[in-house]
Amino acid sequence: MVSFTVFKGSQNGKIVKSSSTREVGPDQVLVKVTHAGLCGTDEHRRHDDMVLGHEGTGMVERIGGDVKTLSIGDRIGWGFIHSSCLNCEQCLTGHENLCPDAEKYGSANLDQGAFGTYAVWKASYVFKIPSSMAPEHAAPLMCGGATVFHVLRAGGAQPTDRVGVIGVGGLGHLAIQFASKMGCEVVVFSSTENKRDEATKLGAKQFFATKGKTELDIGRKINHLIVTTSMPPDWNVFLPLMAPRGTIYPVTVSADHLELPYTTITRMELRVQGSFVAPRQVHKQMIEFAALHGIKPIIEEFPLTVEGITEAMEKLNSGKMRYRGVLLAQ
């Protein structure tokens, strides 16, 4: 049995320091957490009695007897999905992220997460981190990076395509980098000019400030439009920018309804494609791709303490985080 410190949400939204106890099963590993990324989904769970955090990196300290793929001392990361049935159609076709019985953040393993000193995970659902990638940069890739990479891979983005990214934030600044390194021409849309230089450095070929605009002239149309903003865009502005048979990817986690006009969608044969994190092989490829091309999040660091988590979540909630918060074990 292993006992360790964890940090939980609570009904009033305050971060609570607590403890958990786990056994290390034959197919599991004990991980000493070194870094934890802060994601918007953690803010959504802040009022739940559960351990927060699902973008974790750390060191393997103990392995179960059946584990053959990892060794003590390996640097690993994990994300939103903890396990799946492995036998349903989704699992057998490489879409275990859509398994109806998947164990995932917010619905399983509520007694442990990335916000803690240790965690116990199935070895088949953690990912080796290459030595060329800093663990503080790896942590936000475990959900944010995997999410946008999966969008581009599943959507079949080609080097000849134009990829539009709405919003330069936690997801958007990663989407720009991945799409650019894939050889796509990236067009970025932000409300003001404030992030133009940063977006250009990250790989944007065009940048448009949209506040107060009722129409935009961007030249060649967009094949893939990734929407990362918390509020839905003005579709009257953005739908005319889409190429025929283009695809729109809303990746924002929101309980609001997504409303689009019928006429343009049908006339242009546009697609609206949902995306839910990444299956394991795509997640693995994302790490390899990011390491090869030097893709890294822009981060702000905070201590992995009650005070540090509270400060980080308040900054994220205020919209002032640039661009991913990372909590460092003390």
C-alpha atoms as a PDB file:
ATOM      1  CA  MET A   1       0.000   0.000   0.000  1.00  0.00           C
ATOM      2  CA  VAL A   2       1.160   3.517  -0.786  1.00  0.00           C
ATOM      3  CA  SER A   3      -0.146   6.660   0.905  1.00  0.00           C
ATOM      4  CA  PHE A   4       0.393  10.078  -0.644  1.00  0.00           C
ATOM      5  CA  THR A   5      -0.748  13.701  -0.558  1.00  0.00           C
ATOM      6  CA  VAL A   6      -3.402  14.929  -2.992  1.00  0.00           C
ATOM      7  CA  PHE A   7      -5.160  18.226  -3.687  1.00  0.00           C
ATOM      8  CA  LYS A   8      -8.908  18.171  -4.210  1.00  0.00           C
ATOM      9  CA  GLY A   9     -11.741  20.448  -5.190  1.00  0.00           C
ATOM     10  CA  SER A  10     -14.594  21.172  -2.791  1.00  0.00           C
ATOM     11  CA  GLN A  11     -18.187  22.355  -2.817  1.00  0.00           C
ATOM     12  CA  ASN A  12     -17.174  25.968  -2.162  1.00  0.00           C
ATOM     13  CA  GLY A  13     -14.384  25.847  -4.745  1.00  0.00           C
ATOM     14  CA  LYS A  14     -11.509  25.959  -2.286  1.00  0.00           C
ATOM     15  CA  ILE A  15      -8.527  23.683  -2.877  1.00  0.00           C
ATOM     16  CA  VAL A  16      -8.233  21.089  -0.120  1.00  0.00           C
ATOM     17  CA  LYS A  17      -5.100  19.154   0.871  1.00  0.00           C
ATOM     18  CA  SER A  18      -5.897  15.515   1.589  1.00  0.00           C
ATOM     19  CA  SER A  19      -4.411  12.025   1.262  1.00  0.00           C
ATOM     20  CA  SER A  20      -5.061   8.845  -0.685  1.00  0.00           C
ATOM     21  CA  THR A  21      -3.969   5.229  -0.327  1.00  0.00           C
ATOM     22  CA  ARG A  22      -3.452   2.835  -3.223  1.00  0.00           C
ATOM     23  CA  GLU A  23      -2.078  -0.591  -4.014  1.00  0.00           C
ATOM     24  CA  VAL A  24       0.159  -1.041  -7.043  1.00  0.00           C
ATOM     25  CA  GLY A  25      -1.505  -3.752  -9.129  1.00  0.00           C
ATOM     26  CA  PRO A  26       0.331  -6.185 -11.395  1.00  0.00           C
ATOM     27  CA  ASP A  27      -0.371  -4.077 -14.508  1.00  0.00           C
ATOM     28  CA  GLN A  28       0.243  -0.704 -12.843  1.00  0.00           C
ATOM     29  CA  VAL A  29       3.066   1.667 -11.987  1.00  0.00           C
ATOM     30  CA  LEU A  30       3.648   4.009  -9.071  1.00  0.00           C
ATOM     31  CA  VAL A  31       4.577   7.470 -10.344  1.00  0.00           C
ATOM     32  CA  LYS A  32       6.198  10.222  -8.339  1.00  0.00           C
ATOM     33  CA  VAL A  33       4.597  13.387  -9.722  1.00  0.00           C
ATOM     34  CA  THR A  34       7.062  16.102 -10.696  1.00  0.00           C
ATOM     35  CA  HIS A  35       4.892  18.425 -12.833  1.00  0.00           C
ATOM     36  CA  ALA A  36       1.182  18.924 -13.433  1.00  0.00           C
ATOM     37  CA  GLY A  37      -0.392  20.992 -16.168  1.00  0.00           C
ATOM     38  CA  LEU A  38      -3.461  23.088 -15.426  1.00  0.00           C
ATOM     39  CA  CYS A  39      -6.325  22.673 -17.896  1.00  0.00           C
ATOM     40  CA  GLY A  40      -9.678  24.411 -18.175  1.00  0.00           C
ATOM     41  CA  THR A  41     -11.359  21.119 -17.313  1.00  0.00           C
ATOM     42  CA  ASP A  42      -9.701  21.293 -13.889  1.00  0.00           C
ATOM     43  CA  GLU A  43     -11.485  24.593 -13.302  1.00  0.00           C
ATOM     44  CA  HIS A  44     -14.763  22.900 -14.259  1.00  0.00           C
ATOM     45  CA  ARG A  45     -14.119  20.267 -11.555  1.00  0.00           C
ATOM     46  CA  ARG A  46     -13.046  22.706  -8.870  1.00  0.00           C
ATOM     47  CA  HIS A  47     -16.361  22.391  -7.013  1.00  0.00           C
ATOM     48  CA  ASP A  48     -16.309  18.574  -6.995  1.00  0.00           C
ATOM     49  CA  ASP A  49     -15.003  16.421  -4.161  1.00  0.00           C
ATOM     50  CA  MET A  50     -12.254  14.807  -6.256  1.00  0.00           C
ATOM     51  CA  VAL A  51      -8.513  15.030  -6.806  1.00  0.00           C
ATOM     52  CA  LEU A  52      -7.758  17.519  -9.572  1.00  0.00           C
ATOM     53  CA  GLY A  53      -5.328  17.374 -12.466  1.00  0.00           C
ATOM     54  CA  HIS A  54      -5.014  15.198 -15.570  1.00  0.00           C
ATOM     55  CA  GLU A  55      -1.888  16.539 -17.279  1.00  0.00           C
ATOM     56  CA  GLY A  56       0.822  14.798 -15.273  1.00  0.00           C
ATOM     57  CA  THR A  57       4.489  13.955 -15.670  1.00  0.00           C
ATOM     58  CA  GLY A  58       6.760  12.169 -13.259  1.00  0.00           C
ATOM     59  CA  MET A  59       9.158   9.311 -12.556  1.00  0.00           C
ATOM     60  CA  VAL A  60       8.296   5.623 -12.274  1.00  0.00           C
ATOM     61  CA  GLU A  61       9.207   4.443  -8.751  1.00  0.00           C
ATOM     62  CA  ARG A  62       7.581   1.006  -8.674  1.00  0.00           C
ATOM     63  CA  ILE A  63       6.245  -1.373 -11.300  1.00  0.00           C
ATOM     64  CA  GLY A  64       3.752  -4.232 -11.097  1.00  0.00           C
ATOM     65  CA  GLY A  65       4.870  -7.775 -11.795  1.00  0.00           C
ATOM     66  CA  ASP A  66       3.201  -7.942 -15.234  1.00  0.00           C
ATOM     67  CA  VAL A  67       4.641  -4.665 -16.547  1.00  0.00           C
ATOM     68  CA  LYS A  68       7.229  -5.242 -19.277  1.00  0.00           C
ATOM     69  CA  THR A  69       7.246  -1.913 -21.108  1.00  0.00           C
ATOM     70  CA  LEU A  70       8.524   0.365 -18.331  1.00  0.00           C
ATOM     71  CA  SER A  71      11.390   0.429 -15.860  1.00  0.00           C
ATOM     72  CA  ILE A  72      12.004   2.168 -12.562  1.00  0.00           C
ATOM     73  CA  GLY A  73      13.342   5.657 -13.265  1.00  0.00           C
ATOM     74  CA  ASP A  74      11.504   6.136 -16.569  1.00  0.00           C
ATOM     75  CA  ARG A  75      10.068   9.611 -17.168  1.00  0.00           C
ATOM     76  CA  ILE A  76       6.403   9.286 -18.102  1.00  0.00           C
ATOM     77  CA  GLY A  77       3.253  11.325 -18.602  1.00  0.00           C
ATOM     78  CA  TRP A  78      -0.466  10.618 -18.610  1.00  0.00           C
ATOM     79  CA  GLY A  79      -3.636  12.373 -19.674  1.00  0.00           C
ATOM     80  CA  PHE A  80      -7.427  12.301 -19.562  1.00  0.00           C
ATOM     81  CA  ILE A  81      -8.047   8.584 -20.213  1.00  0.00           C
ATOM     82  CA  HIS A  82      -6.885   6.106 -17.565  1.00  0.00           C
ATOM     83  CA  SER A  83      -8.164   2.797 -18.938  1.00  0.00           C
ATOM     84  CA  SER A  84     -10.692   1.186 -21.282  1.00  0.00           C
ATOM     85  CA  CYS A  85     -12.341  -2.200 -21.782  1.00  0.00           C
ATOM     86  CA  LEU A  86     -10.043  -3.140 -24.743  1.00  0.00           C
ATOM     87  CA  ASN A  87     -12.768  -5.397 -26.190  1.00  0.00           C
ATOM     88  CA  CYS A  88     -15.462  -3.131 -27.663  1.00  0.00           C
ATOM     89  CA  GLU A  89     -15.543  -1.974 -31.288  1.00  0.00           C
ATOM     90  CA  GLN A  90     -14.025   1.382 -30.380  1.00  0.00           C
ATOM     91  CA  CYS A  91     -11.098  -0.159 -28.507  1.00  0.00           C
ATOM     92  CA  LEU A  92     -10.448  -2.797 -31.168  1.00  0.00           C
ATOM     93  CA  THR A  93     -10.303  -0.158 -33.910  1.00  0.00           C
ATOM     94  CA  GLY A  94      -7.895   2.149 -32.072  1.00  0.00           C
ATOM     95  CA  HIS A  95     -10.499   4.559 -30.718  1.00  0.00           C
ATOM     96  CA  GLU A  96     -10.337   3.604 -27.053  1.00  0.00           C
ATOM     97  CA  ASN A  97     -10.835   7.262 -26.152  1.00  0.00           C
ATOM     98  CA  LEU A  98     -14.470   6.650 -27.206  1.00  0.00           C
ATOM     99  CA  CYS A  99     -14.899   3.411 -25.254  1.00  0.00           C
ATOM    100  CA  PRO A 100     -18.234   3.587 -23.372  1.00  0.00           C
ATOM    101  CA  ASP A 101     -16.578   1.963 -20.353  1.00  0.00           C
ATOM    102  CA  ALA A 102     -13.405   4.060 -20.371  1.00  0.00           C
ATOM    103  CA  GLU A 103     -12.073   5.298 -17.054  1.00  0.00           C
ATOM    104  CA  LYS A 104     -11.464   8.986 -17.451  1.00  0.00           C
ATOM    105  CA  TYR A 105     -10.845  12.141 -15.496  1.00  0.00           C
ATOM    106  CA  GLY A 106     -13.906  13.280 -13.576  1.00  0.00           C
ATOM    107  CA  SER A 107     -15.700   9.923 -13.646  1.00  0.00           C
ATOM    108  CA  ALA A 108     -13.137   7.428 -12.320  1.00  0.00           C
ATOM    109  CA  ASN A 109     -10.137   7.369 -10.000  1.00  0.00           C
ATOM    110  CA  LEU A 110     -11.478  10.372  -8.137  1.00  0.00           C
ATOM    111  CA  ASP A 111      -9.056   9.721  -5.278  1.00  0.00           C
ATOM    112  CA  GLN A 112      -5.944  10.507  -7.347  1.00  0.00           C
ATOM    113  CA  GLY A 113      -4.785  12.796 -10.131  1.00  0.00           C
ATOM    114  CA  ALA A 114      -1.925  14.973 -11.305  1.00  0.00           C
ATOM    115  CA  PHE A 115      -2.335  17.319  -8.331  1.00  0.00           C
ATOM    116  CA  GLY A 116      -0.594  15.102  -5.818  1.00  0.00           C
ATOM    117  CA  THR A 117       2.759  13.717  -4.748  1.00  0.00           C
ATOM    118  CA  TYR A 118       2.146  10.264  -6.269  1.00  0.00           C
ATOM    119  CA  ALA A 119      -0.332   8.402  -8.465  1.00  0.00           C
ATOM    120  CA  VAL A 120      -0.889   4.796  -9.536  1.00  0.00           C
ATOM    121  CA  TRP A 121      -1.793   4.210 -13.186  1.00  0.00           C
ATOM    122  CA  LYS A 122      -2.111   1.343 -15.634  1.00  0.00           C
ATOM    123  CA  ALA A 123       1.210   0.988 -17.439  1.00  0.00           C
ATOM    124  CA  SER A 124      -0.556   0.726 -20.796  1.00  0.00           C
ATOM    125  CA  TYR A 125      -2.056   4.210 -20.336  1.00  0.00           C
ATOM    126  CA  VAL A 126       1.080   6.182 -19.550  1.00  0.00           C
ATOM    127  CA  PHE A 127       3.582   7.475 -22.086  1.00  0.00           C
ATOM    128  CA  LYS A 128       7.364   7.677 -22.043  1.00  0.00           C
ATOM    129  CA  ILE A 129       8.748  11.204 -22.221  1.00  0.00           C
ATOM    130  CA  PRO A 130      11.927  11.520 -24.337  1.00  0.00           C
ATOM    131  CA  SER A 131      15.008  13.004 -22.705  1.00  0.00           C
ATOM    132  CA  SER A 132      14.961  15.867 -25.214  1.00  0.00           C
ATOM    133  CA  MET A 133      11.644  17.141 -23.797  1.00  0.00           C
ATOM    134  CA  ALA A 134      11.586  19.036 -20.504  1.00  0.00           C
ATOM    135  CA  PRO A 135       8.970  17.630 -18.096  1.00  0.00           C
ATOM    136  CA  GLU A 136       7.479  21.084 -17.467  1.00  0.00           C
ATOM    137  CA  HIS A 137       6.831  21.365 -21.207  1.00  0.00           C
ATOM    138  CA  ALA A 138       5.600  17.784 -21.494  1.00  0.00           C
ATOM    139  CA  ALA A 139       2.865  18.169 -18.868  1.00  0.00           C
ATOM    140  CA  PRO A 140       0.531  20.517 -20.832  1.00  0.00           C
ATOM    141  CA  LEU A 141       0.943  18.335 -23.916  1.00  0.00           C
ATOM    142  CA  MET A 142      -0.694  15.417 -22.103  1.00  0.00           C
ATOM    143  CA  CYS A 143      -4.147  16.916 -22.713  1.00  0.00           C
ATOM    144  CA  GLY A 144      -3.876  20.255 -24.521  1.00  0.00           C
ATOM    145  CA  GLY A 145      -1.263  19.062 -26.992  1.00  0.00           C
ATOM    146  CA  ALA A 146      -2.915  15.698 -27.549  1.00  0.00           C
ATOM    147  CA  THR A 147      -6.282  17.364 -28.160  1.00  0.00           C
ATOM    148  CA  VAL A 148      -5.183  19.679 -30.966  1.00  0.00           C
ATOM    149  CA  PHE A 149      -2.822  17.114 -32.521  1.00  0.00           C
ATOM    150  CA  HIS A 150      -5.691  14.612 -32.652  1.00  0.00           C
ATOM    151  CA  VAL A 151      -7.875  17.199 -34.395  1.00  0.00           C
ATOM    152  CA  LEU A 152      -5.321  17.669 -37.159  1.00  0.00           C
ATOM    153  CA  ARG A 153      -4.571  13.955 -37.545  1.00  0.00           C
ATOM    154  CA  ALA A 154      -8.192  12.773 -37.444  1.00  0.00           C
ATOM    155  CA  GLY A 155      -9.212  15.605 -39.761  1.00  0.00           C
ATOM    156  CA  GLY A 156      -6.619  14.571 -42.332  1.00  0.00           C
ATOM    157  CA  ALA A 157      -4.876  17.935 -42.508  1.00  0.00           C
ATOM    158  CA  GLN A 158      -2.432  18.016 -45.433  1.00  0.00           C
ATOM    159  CA  PRO A 159       0.670  20.208 -45.944  1.00  0.00           C
ATOM    160  CA  THR A 160      -1.164  21.984 -48.766  1.00  0.00           C
ATOM    161  CA  ASP A 161      -4.116  22.918 -46.520  1.00  0.00           C
ATOM    162  CA  ARG A 162      -4.875  26.214 -44.840  1.00  0.00           C
ATOM    163  CA  VAL A 163      -5.616  25.818 -41.142  1.00  0.00           C
ATOM    164  CA  GLY A 164      -7.451  28.562 -39.267  1.00  0.00           C
ATOM    165  CA  VAL A 165      -7.083  28.885 -35.494  1.00  0.00           C
ATOM    166  CA  ILE A 166      -9.521  31.061 -33.558  1.00  0.00           C
ATOM    167  CA  GLY A 167      -7.964  32.151 -30.273  1.00  0.00           C
ATOM    168  CA  VAL A 168      -4.336  32.320 -29.131  1.00  0.00           C
ATOM    169  CA  GLY A 169      -4.610  30.699 -25.717  1.00  0.00           C
ATOM    170  CA  GLY A 170      -3.827  27.414 -24.006  1.00  0.00           C
ATOM    171  CA  LEU A 171      -5.051  25.295 -26.930  1.00  0.00           C
ATOM    172  CA  GLY A 172      -4.667  27.819 -29.719  1.00  0.00           C
ATOM    173  CA  HIS A 173      -0.957  28.503 -29.264  1.00  0.00           C
ATOM    174  CA  LEU A 174      -0.295  24.759 -29.435  1.00  0.00           C
ATOM    175  CA  ALA A 175      -2.537  24.283 -32.478  1.00  0.00           C
ATOM    176  CA  ILE A 176      -0.558  26.970 -34.326  1.00  0.00           C
ATOM    177  CA  GLN A 177       2.709  25.149 -33.668  1.00  0.00           C
ATOM    178  CA  PHE A 178       1.487  21.674 -34.598  1.00  0.00           C
ATOM    179  CA  ALA A 179      -0.250  22.805 -37.789  1.00  0.00           C
ATOM    180  CA  SER A 180       2.737  24.891 -38.853  1.00  0.00           C
ATOM    181  CA  LYS A 181       5.218  22.057 -38.285  1.00  0.00           C
ATOM    182  CA  MET A 182       2.947  19.749 -40.286  1.00  0.00           C
ATOM    183  CA  GLY A 183       3.545  22.081 -43.222  1.00  0.00           C
ATOM    184  CA  CYS A 184       0.130  23.734 -43.207  1.00  0.00           C
ATOM    185  CA  GLU A 185      -0.388  27.434 -43.838  1.00  0.00           C
ATOM    186  CA  VAL A 186      -1.760  28.740 -40.545  1.00  0.00           C
ATOM    187  CA  VAL A 187      -4.172  31.680 -40.320  1.00  0.00           C
ATOM    188  CA  VAL A 188      -4.785  33.004 -36.814  1.00  0.00           C
ATOM    189  CA  PHE A 189      -7.766  35.005 -35.587  1.00  0.00           C
ATOM    190  CA  SER A 190      -7.682  36.900 -32.300  1.00  0.00           C
ATOM    191  CA  SER A 191      -9.877  39.659 -30.941  1.00  0.00           C
ATOM    192  CA  THR A 192      -7.092  42.288 -30.887  1.00  0.00           C
ATOM    193  CA  GLU A 193      -3.596  42.893 -32.247  1.00  0.00           C
ATOM    194  CA  ASN A 194      -1.966  42.088 -28.888  1.00  0.00           C
ATOM    195  CA  LYS A 195      -0.810  38.594 -29.821  1.00  0.00           C
ATOM    196  CA  ARG A 196       0.190  39.175 -33.468  1.00  0.00           C
ATOM    197  CA  ASP A 197       3.960  38.994 -32.927  1.00  0.00           C
ATOM    198  CA  GLU A 198       3.691  35.940 -30.698  1.00  0.00           C
ATOM    199  CA  ALA A 199       1.410  34.106 -33.117  1.00  0.00           C
ATOM    200  CA  THR A 200       3.791  34.868 -35.979  1.00  0.00           C
ATOM    201  CA  LYS A 201       6.759  33.511 -34.021  1.00  0.00           C
ATOM    202  CA  LEU A 202       4.774  30.351 -33.276  1.00  0.00           C
ATOM    203  CA  GLY A 203       4.202  29.757 -36.997  1.00  0.00           C
ATOM    204  CA  ALA A 204       1.226  31.821 -38.181  1.00  0.00           C
ATOM    205  CA  LYS A 205       1.467  33.066 -41.784  1.00  0.00           C
ATOM    206  CA  GLN A 206      -1.480  35.442 -41.422  1.00  0.00           C
ATOM    207  CA  PHE A 207      -3.032  37.134 -38.403  1.00  0.00           C
ATOM    208  CA  PHE A 208      -6.348  38.959 -38.210  1.00  0.00           C
ATOM    209  CA  ALA A 209      -7.771  41.020 -35.365  1.00  0.00           C
ATOM    210  CA  THR A 210     -11.521  40.408 -35.420  1.00  0.00           C
ATOM    211  CA  LYS A 211     -13.012  42.752 -32.803  1.00  0.00           C
ATOM    212  CA  GLY A 212     -15.702  44.894 -34.420  1.00  0.00           C
ATOM    213  CA  LYS A 213     -15.247  43.266 -37.851  1.00  0.00           C
ATOM    214  CA  THR A 214     -18.273  42.141 -39.841  1.00  0.00           C
ATOM    215  CA  GLU A 215     -16.230  40.625 -42.673  1.00  0.00           C
ATOM    216  CA  LEU A 216     -12.644  39.584 -43.367  1.00  0.00           C
ATOM    217  CA  ASP A 217     -10.623  39.261 -46.560  1.00  0.00           C
ATOM    218  CA  ILE A 218      -8.040  36.504 -46.029  1.00  0.00           C
ATOM    219  CA  GLY A 219      -7.331  35.417 -49.603  1.00  0.00           C
ATOM    220  CA  ARG A 220      -7.391  31.664 -50.092  1.00  0.00           C
ATOM    221  CA  LYS A 221     -10.129  29.913 -48.130  1.00  0.00           C
ATOM    222  CA  ILE A 222      -9.629  27.751 -45.029  1.00  0.00           C
ATOM    223  CA  ASN A 223      -9.792  23.952 -45.122  1.00  0.00           C
ATOM    224  CA  HIS A 224      -9.728  23.358 -41.362  1.00  0.00           C
ATOM    225  CA  LEU A 225     -10.957  25.801 -38.708  1.00  0.00           C
ATOM    226  CA  ILE A 226     -10.071  25.048 -35.073  1.00  0.00           C
ATOM    227  CA  VAL A 227     -12.207  26.965 -32.586  1.00  0.00           C
ATOM    228  CA  THR A 228     -10.452  27.263 -29.194  1.00  0.00           C
ATOM    229  CA  THR A 229     -12.200  30.294 -27.695  1.00  0.00           C
ATOM    230  CA  SER A 230     -14.523  30.019 -24.706  1.00  0.00           C
ATOM    231  CA  MET A 231     -17.250  31.947 -26.526  1.00  0.00           C
ATOM    232  CA  PRO A 232     -18.564  30.904 -29.962  1.00  0.00           C
ATOM    233  CA  PRO A 233     -17.348  33.064 -32.852  1.00  0.00           C
ATOM    234  CA  ASP A 234     -19.577  35.177 -35.095  1.00  0.00           C
ATOM    235  CA  TRP A 235     -20.378  32.583 -37.742  1.00  0.00           C
ATOM    236  CA  ASN A 236     -21.489  35.303 -40.137  1.00  0.00           C
ATOM    237  CA  VAL A 237     -17.839  36.383 -40.220  1.00  0.00           C
ATOM    238  CA  PHE A 238     -16.171  32.976 -40.284  1.00  0.00           C
ATOM    239  CA  LEU A 239     -18.338  30.733 -42.459  1.00  0.00           C
ATOM    240  CA  PRO A 240     -17.615  32.810 -45.607  1.00  0.00           C
ATOM    241  CA  LEU A 241     -13.907  32.097 -45.005  1.00  0.00           C
ATOM    242  CA  MET A 242     -14.355  28.326 -45.323  1.00  0.00           C
ATOM    243  CA  ALA A 243     -13.391  26.383 -48.427  1.00  0.00           C
ATOM    244  CA  PRO A 244     -16.043  24.028 -49.871  1.00  0.00           C
ATOM    245  CA  ARG A 245     -16.099  20.768 -47.892  1.00  0.00           C
ATOM    246  CA  GLY A 246     -13.999  22.358 -45.170  1.00  0.00           C
ATOM    247  CA  THR A 247     -14.213  21.238 -41.566  1.00  0.00           C
ATOM    248  CA  ILE A 248     -14.892  23.152 -38.349  1.00  0.00           C
ATOM    249  CA  TYR A 249     -13.546  21.714 -35.076  1.00  0.00           C
ATOM    250  CA  PRO A 250     -15.069  23.120 -31.867  1.00  0.00           C
ATOM    251  CA  VAL A 251     -12.633  21.988 -29.150  1.00  0.00           C
ATOM    252  CA  THR A 252     -13.840  24.249 -26.342  1.00  0.00           C
ATOM    253  CA  VAL A 253     -15.377  22.397 -23.385  1.00  0.00           C
ATOM    254  CA  SER A 254     -18.715  24.111 -22.837  1.00  0.00           C
ATOM    255  CA  ALA A 255     -22.242  23.228 -21.745  1.00  0.00           C
ATOM    256  CA  ASP A 256     -23.669  25.784 -24.192  1.00  0.00           C
ATOM    257  CA  HIS A 257     -25.338  24.829 -27.462  1.00  0.00           C
ATOM    258  CA  LEU A 258     -23.455  25.071 -30.748  1.00  0.00           C
ATOM    259  CA  GLU A 259     -25.666  26.894 -33.259  1.00  0.00           C
ATOM    260  CA  LEU A 260     -24.840  27.186 -36.963  1.00  0.00           C
ATOM    261  CA  PRO A 261     -26.891  28.400 -39.934  1.00  0.00           C
ATOM    262  CA  TYR A 262     -28.230  25.582 -42.117  1.00  0.00           C
ATOM    263  CA  THR A 263     -27.895  27.303 -45.495  1.00  0.00           C
ATOM    264  CA  THR A 264     -24.123  27.839 -45.603  1.00  0.00           C
ATOM    265  CA  ILE A 265     -23.363  24.448 -44.062  1.00  0.00           C
ATOM    266  CA  THR A 266     -25.431  22.597 -46.665  1.00  0.00           C
ATOM    267  CA  ARG A 267     -24.536  24.773 -49.670  1.00  0.00           C
ATOM    268  CA  MET A 268     -20.783  24.489 -49.010  1.00  0.00           C
ATOM    269  CA  GLU A 269     -20.946  20.890 -47.732  1.00  0.00           C
ATOM    270  CA  LEU A 270     -19.121  21.964 -44.597  1.00  0.00           C
ATOM    271  CA  ARG A 271     -18.476  19.531 -41.756  1.00  0.00           C
ATOM    272  CA  VAL A 272     -18.542  20.098 -38.011  1.00  0.00           C
ATOM    273  CA  GLN A 273     -16.252  17.565 -36.365  1.00  0.00           C
ATOM    274  CA  GLY A 274     -16.178  16.889 -32.650  1.00  0.00           C
ATOM    275  CA  SER A 275     -12.991  15.647 -31.033  1.00  0.00           C
ATOM    276  CA  PHE A 276     -12.449  14.039 -27.631  1.00  0.00           C
ATOM    277  CA  VAL A 277      -8.798  13.974 -26.503  1.00  0.00           C
ATOM    278  CA  ALA A 278      -6.617  11.384 -28.280  1.00  0.00           C
ATOM    279  CA  PRO A 279      -6.369   7.603 -28.474  1.00  0.00           C
ATOM    280  CA  ARG A 280      -3.086   6.166 -27.213  1.00  0.00           C
ATOM    281  CA  GLN A 281      -1.285   5.723 -30.532  1.00  0.00           C
ATOM    282  CA  VAL A 282      -2.088   9.285 -31.575  1.00  0.00           C
ATOM    283  CA  HIS A 283      -1.016  10.500 -28.119  1.00  0.00           C
ATOM    284  CA  LYS A 284       2.297   8.657 -28.521  1.00  0.00           C
ATOM    285  CA  GLN A 285       2.797  10.130 -31.994  1.00  0.00           C
ATOM    286  CA  MET A 286       2.060  13.593 -30.629  1.00  0.00           C
ATOM    287  CA  ILE A 287       4.876  13.280 -28.090  1.00  0.00           C
ATOM    288  CA  GLU A 288       7.286  12.040 -30.761  1.00  0.00           C
ATOM    289  CA  PHE A 289       6.280  14.804 -33.177  1.00  0.00           C
ATOM    290  CA  ALA A 290       6.602  17.518 -30.537  1.00  0.00           C
ATOM    291  CA  ALA A 291      10.032  16.256 -29.489  1.00  0.00           C
ATOM    292  CA  LEU A 292      11.247  16.054 -33.094  1.00  0.00           C
ATOM    293  CA  HIS A 293      10.093  19.555 -34.018  1.00  0.00           C
ATOM    294  CA  GLY A 294      10.782  21.310 -30.721  1.00  0.00           C
ATOM    295  CA  ILE A 295       7.132  22.115 -30.038  1.00  0.00           C
ATOM    296  CA  LYS A 296       6.668  23.366 -26.506  1.00  0.00           C
ATOM    297  CA  PRO A 297       3.953  25.242 -24.642  1.00  0.00           C
ATOM    298  CA  ILE A 298       4.491  28.733 -23.311  1.00  0.00           C
ATOM    299  CA  ILE A 299       4.120  28.241 -19.573  1.00  0.00           C
ATOM    300  CA  GLU A 300       3.851  29.971 -16.222  1.00  0.00           C
ATOM    301  CA  GLU A 301       5.056  28.006 -13.229  1.00  0.00           C
ATOM    302  CA  PHE A 302       3.462  27.678  -9.783  1.00  0.00           C
ATOM    303  CA  PRO A 303       4.202  25.487  -6.754  1.00  0.00           C
ATOM    304  CA  LEU A 304       2.140  22.326  -6.359  1.00  0.00           C
ATOM    305  CA  THR A 305       0.629  23.489  -3.071  1.00  0.00           C
ATOM    306  CA  VAL A 306      -2.807  24.712  -1.986  1.00  0.00           C
ATOM    307  CA  GLU A 307      -1.630  28.303  -2.425  1.00  0.00           C
ATOM    308  CA  GLY A 308       0.055  27.645  -5.770  1.00  0.00           C
ATOM    309  CA  ILE A 309      -2.944  25.782  -7.218  1.00  0.00           C
ATOM    310  CA  THR A 310      -5.326  28.491  -6.026  1.00  0.00           C
ATOM    311  CA  GLU A 311      -3.200  31.243  -7.582  1.00  0.00           C
ATOM    312  CA  ALA A 312      -2.864  29.357 -10.857  1.00  0.00           C
ATOM    313  CA  MET A 313      -6.588  28.599 -11.115  1.00  0.00           C
ATOM    314  CA  GLU A 314      -7.532  32.196 -10.362  1.00  0.00           C
ATOM    315  CA  LYS A 315      -5.172  33.408 -13.068  1.00  0.00           C
ATOM    316  CA  LEU A 316      -6.572  30.888 -15.545  1.00  0.00           C
ATOM    317  CA  ASN A 317     -10.149  31.791 -14.657  1.00  0.00           C
ATOM    318  CA  SER A 318      -9.423  35.500 -15.154  1.00  0.00           C
ATOM    319  CA  GLY A 319      -8.087  34.859 -18.658  1.00  0.00           C
ATOM    320  CA  LYS A 320      -4.623  36.185 -17.779  1.00  0.00           C
ATOM    321  CA  MET A 321      -2.651  32.943 -18.061  1.00  0.00           C
ATOM    322  CA  ARG A 322      -0.053  32.925 -20.863  1.00  0.00           C
ATOM    323  CA  TYR A 323      -0.659  30.273 -21.901  1.00  0.00           C
ATOM    324  CA  ARG A 324      -0.511  27.093 -19.801  1.00  0.00           C
ATOM    325  CA  GLY A 325      -0.056  26.906 -16.048  1.00  0.00           C
ATOM    326  CA  VAL A 326       2.332  24.237 -14.779  1.00  0.00           C
ATOM    327  CA  LEU A 327       2.525  23.169 -11.136  1.00  0.00           C
ATOM    328  CA  LEU A 328       5.905  22.058  -9.794  1.00  0.00           C
ATOM    329  CA  ALA A 329       6.186  19.457  -7.043  1.00  0.00           C
ATOM    330  CA  GLN A 330       7.766  20.872  -3.905  1.00  0.00           C
END
